[in-house]
N, C-alpha and C. Protein backbone atom coordinates (compact mmCIF):
# COMPACT_ATOMS: atom_id res chain seq x y z
N MET A 1 182.78 87.47 137.91
CA MET A 1 183.56 86.92 136.83
C MET A 1 185.03 87.23 137.14
N GLY A 2 185.89 86.33 136.82
CA GLY A 2 187.30 86.54 137.06
C GLY A 2 188.13 86.01 135.91
N ILE A 3 189.42 86.31 135.97
CA ILE A 3 190.36 85.83 134.97
C ILE A 3 191.41 85.02 135.69
N ASP A 4 191.63 83.78 135.25
CA ASP A 4 192.62 82.93 135.87
C ASP A 4 193.99 83.61 135.87
N GLY A 5 194.65 83.61 137.03
CA GLY A 5 195.99 84.17 137.13
C GLY A 5 196.02 85.66 137.40
N VAL A 6 194.86 86.31 137.44
CA VAL A 6 194.81 87.74 137.71
C VAL A 6 194.15 87.94 139.06
N PRO A 7 194.84 88.60 139.99
CA PRO A 7 194.24 88.78 141.32
C PRO A 7 193.03 89.70 141.27
N LYS A 8 192.09 89.44 142.17
CA LYS A 8 190.89 90.25 142.27
C LYS A 8 191.26 91.61 142.85
N PRO A 9 190.76 92.72 142.28
CA PRO A 9 191.11 94.04 142.83
C PRO A 9 190.49 94.22 144.21
N GLU A 10 191.21 94.97 145.07
CA GLU A 10 190.70 95.21 146.40
C GLU A 10 189.48 96.12 146.37
N SER A 11 189.50 97.11 145.48
CA SER A 11 188.34 97.99 145.35
C SER A 11 188.28 98.50 143.91
N ILE A 12 187.11 98.87 143.52
CA ILE A 12 186.91 99.40 142.18
C ILE A 12 186.59 100.88 142.33
N VAL A 13 187.37 101.71 141.67
CA VAL A 13 187.19 103.15 141.74
C VAL A 13 186.43 103.60 140.50
N THR A 14 185.35 104.30 140.69
CA THR A 14 184.58 104.83 139.56
C THR A 14 184.57 106.34 139.63
N LYS A 15 184.53 106.96 138.48
CA LYS A 15 184.45 108.42 138.41
C LYS A 15 182.99 108.81 138.24
N PRO A 16 182.53 109.79 138.99
CA PRO A 16 181.15 110.23 138.80
C PRO A 16 181.02 110.94 137.46
N SER A 17 179.87 110.78 136.85
CA SER A 17 179.61 111.45 135.59
C SER A 17 179.38 112.92 135.85
N THR A 18 180.08 113.75 135.08
CA THR A 18 179.89 115.19 135.24
C THR A 18 179.25 115.72 133.98
N SER A 19 178.21 116.45 134.15
CA SER A 19 177.52 117.07 133.03
C SER A 19 177.93 118.52 132.98
N THR A 20 178.62 118.89 131.90
CA THR A 20 179.07 120.27 131.78
C THR A 20 178.50 120.89 130.52
N ALA A 21 178.38 122.18 130.52
CA ALA A 21 177.92 122.90 129.34
C ALA A 21 179.01 122.84 128.28
N PRO A 22 178.64 122.91 127.00
CA PRO A 22 179.64 122.81 125.92
C PRO A 22 180.75 123.84 126.02
N ASP A 23 180.45 125.05 126.53
CA ASP A 23 181.50 126.07 126.59
C ASP A 23 182.47 125.84 127.74
N THR A 24 182.11 124.99 128.69
CA THR A 24 183.01 124.70 129.81
C THR A 24 183.53 123.28 129.74
N ALA A 25 183.32 122.60 128.64
CA ALA A 25 183.78 121.22 128.49
C ALA A 25 185.29 121.18 128.47
N SER A 26 185.82 120.10 129.03
CA SER A 26 187.27 119.95 129.05
C SER A 26 187.80 119.65 127.66
N THR A 27 189.10 119.80 127.50
CA THR A 27 189.74 119.52 126.22
C THR A 27 189.52 118.07 125.83
N GLU A 28 189.58 117.17 126.81
CA GLU A 28 189.37 115.74 126.53
C GLU A 28 187.96 115.50 126.01
N GLU A 29 186.96 116.14 126.62
CA GLU A 29 185.59 115.96 126.17
C GLU A 29 185.39 116.51 124.77
N LYS A 30 186.03 117.65 124.47
CA LYS A 30 185.94 118.23 123.14
C LYS A 30 186.59 117.31 122.11
N THR A 31 187.72 116.71 122.49
CA THR A 31 188.41 115.79 121.59
C THR A 31 187.55 114.57 121.32
N GLU A 32 186.91 114.03 122.37
CA GLU A 32 186.03 112.87 122.21
C GLU A 32 184.86 113.21 121.30
N ALA A 33 184.28 114.38 121.48
CA ALA A 33 183.16 114.80 120.64
C ALA A 33 183.61 114.97 119.20
N SER A 34 184.80 115.53 119.01
CA SER A 34 185.34 115.71 117.67
C SER A 34 185.57 114.36 117.00
N MET A 35 186.13 113.41 117.74
CA MET A 35 186.37 112.07 117.19
C MET A 35 185.04 111.39 116.87
N ALA A 36 184.04 111.56 117.72
CA ALA A 36 182.73 110.97 117.47
C ALA A 36 182.13 111.54 116.19
N ASP A 37 182.28 112.84 115.98
CA ASP A 37 181.78 113.47 114.76
C ASP A 37 182.50 112.92 113.53
N LYS A 38 183.80 112.74 113.64
CA LYS A 38 184.57 112.20 112.51
C LYS A 38 184.16 110.78 112.19
N VAL A 39 183.96 109.96 113.24
CA VAL A 39 183.54 108.58 113.02
C VAL A 39 182.16 108.55 112.38
N ALA A 40 181.25 109.38 112.87
CA ALA A 40 179.90 109.43 112.30
C ALA A 40 179.95 109.85 110.83
N SER A 41 180.82 110.78 110.50
CA SER A 41 180.96 111.23 109.11
C SER A 41 181.47 110.10 108.22
N VAL A 42 182.47 109.37 108.69
CA VAL A 42 183.03 108.28 107.89
C VAL A 42 182.00 107.16 107.72
N VAL A 43 181.25 106.87 108.77
CA VAL A 43 180.22 105.84 108.68
C VAL A 43 179.14 106.26 107.69
N ALA A 44 178.75 107.52 107.72
CA ALA A 44 177.74 108.01 106.77
C ALA A 44 178.26 107.91 105.34
N ASP A 45 179.54 108.25 105.13
CA ASP A 45 180.13 108.13 103.80
C ASP A 45 180.16 106.68 103.34
N ALA A 46 180.50 105.77 104.25
CA ALA A 46 180.55 104.35 103.90
C ALA A 46 179.15 103.83 103.57
N ALA A 47 178.15 104.27 104.31
CA ALA A 47 176.77 103.85 104.03
C ALA A 47 176.33 104.35 102.66
N ALA A 48 176.67 105.58 102.34
CA ALA A 48 176.31 106.14 101.03
C ALA A 48 177.01 105.36 99.91
N ALA A 49 178.26 104.99 100.12
CA ALA A 49 178.99 104.21 99.12
C ALA A 49 178.37 102.83 98.94
N ALA A 50 177.98 102.21 100.05
CA ALA A 50 177.36 100.89 99.97
C ALA A 50 176.03 100.96 99.23
N LYS A 51 175.26 102.00 99.47
CA LYS A 51 173.99 102.17 98.76
C LYS A 51 174.22 102.32 97.26
N MET A 52 175.26 103.06 96.89
CA MET A 52 175.57 103.27 95.49
C MET A 52 175.97 101.96 94.81
N VAL A 53 176.69 101.11 95.54
CA VAL A 53 177.14 99.85 94.97
C VAL A 53 175.96 98.94 94.66
N VAL A 54 174.99 98.89 95.57
CA VAL A 54 173.86 97.99 95.37
C VAL A 54 172.73 98.60 94.55
N LEU A 55 172.80 99.88 94.29
CA LEU A 55 171.76 100.56 93.53
C LEU A 55 171.85 100.19 92.05
N ASP A 56 170.73 99.85 91.46
CA ASP A 56 170.69 99.58 90.03
C ASP A 56 170.49 100.91 89.33
N THR A 57 171.55 101.42 88.74
CA THR A 57 171.47 102.73 88.11
C THR A 57 170.95 102.68 86.69
N ASP A 58 170.71 101.48 86.18
CA ASP A 58 170.18 101.33 84.83
C ASP A 58 168.66 101.36 84.94
N ASN A 59 168.06 102.48 84.64
CA ASN A 59 166.62 102.66 84.85
C ASN A 59 165.80 102.43 83.58
N ASP A 60 166.24 101.51 82.72
CA ASP A 60 165.49 101.29 81.49
C ASP A 60 164.32 100.32 81.69
N GLY A 61 164.19 99.74 82.88
CA GLY A 61 163.06 98.87 83.17
C GLY A 61 163.25 97.44 82.74
N GLN A 62 164.33 97.13 82.06
CA GLN A 62 164.57 95.76 81.61
C GLN A 62 165.36 94.99 82.65
N GLU A 63 165.06 93.69 82.71
CA GLU A 63 165.84 92.84 83.58
C GLU A 63 167.14 92.48 82.88
N HIS A 64 168.14 92.20 83.65
CA HIS A 64 169.43 91.82 83.09
C HIS A 64 169.63 90.33 83.34
N ASN A 65 169.25 89.52 82.37
CA ASN A 65 169.33 88.08 82.50
C ASN A 65 170.42 87.50 81.59
N GLU A 66 171.58 88.13 81.61
CA GLU A 66 172.66 87.69 80.73
C GLU A 66 173.18 86.30 81.07
N LEU A 67 173.07 85.92 82.33
CA LEU A 67 173.64 84.63 82.72
C LEU A 67 172.70 83.52 82.50
C-alpha cells in the first residue's frame, strides 16, 4: 500500500519488544501504564453513568404510558 506523492521508505526499522519486570520498567513504560489505568477508570465511570441513565429507577411495577 502506498500514498500518492510520498516516497517509499528504503527500509523499515522496528524495535524489538522487550519484556521487563515492573520494578525495572522504564519511565516511559510506567507513564503508558499510568495513562492506560486512567483511561480504563474514565471508561468505567462513563459506563456506570450510561447504565444509570438507561436504568428505570421507578420500581413500582407500573408502566409509564403517558404519551
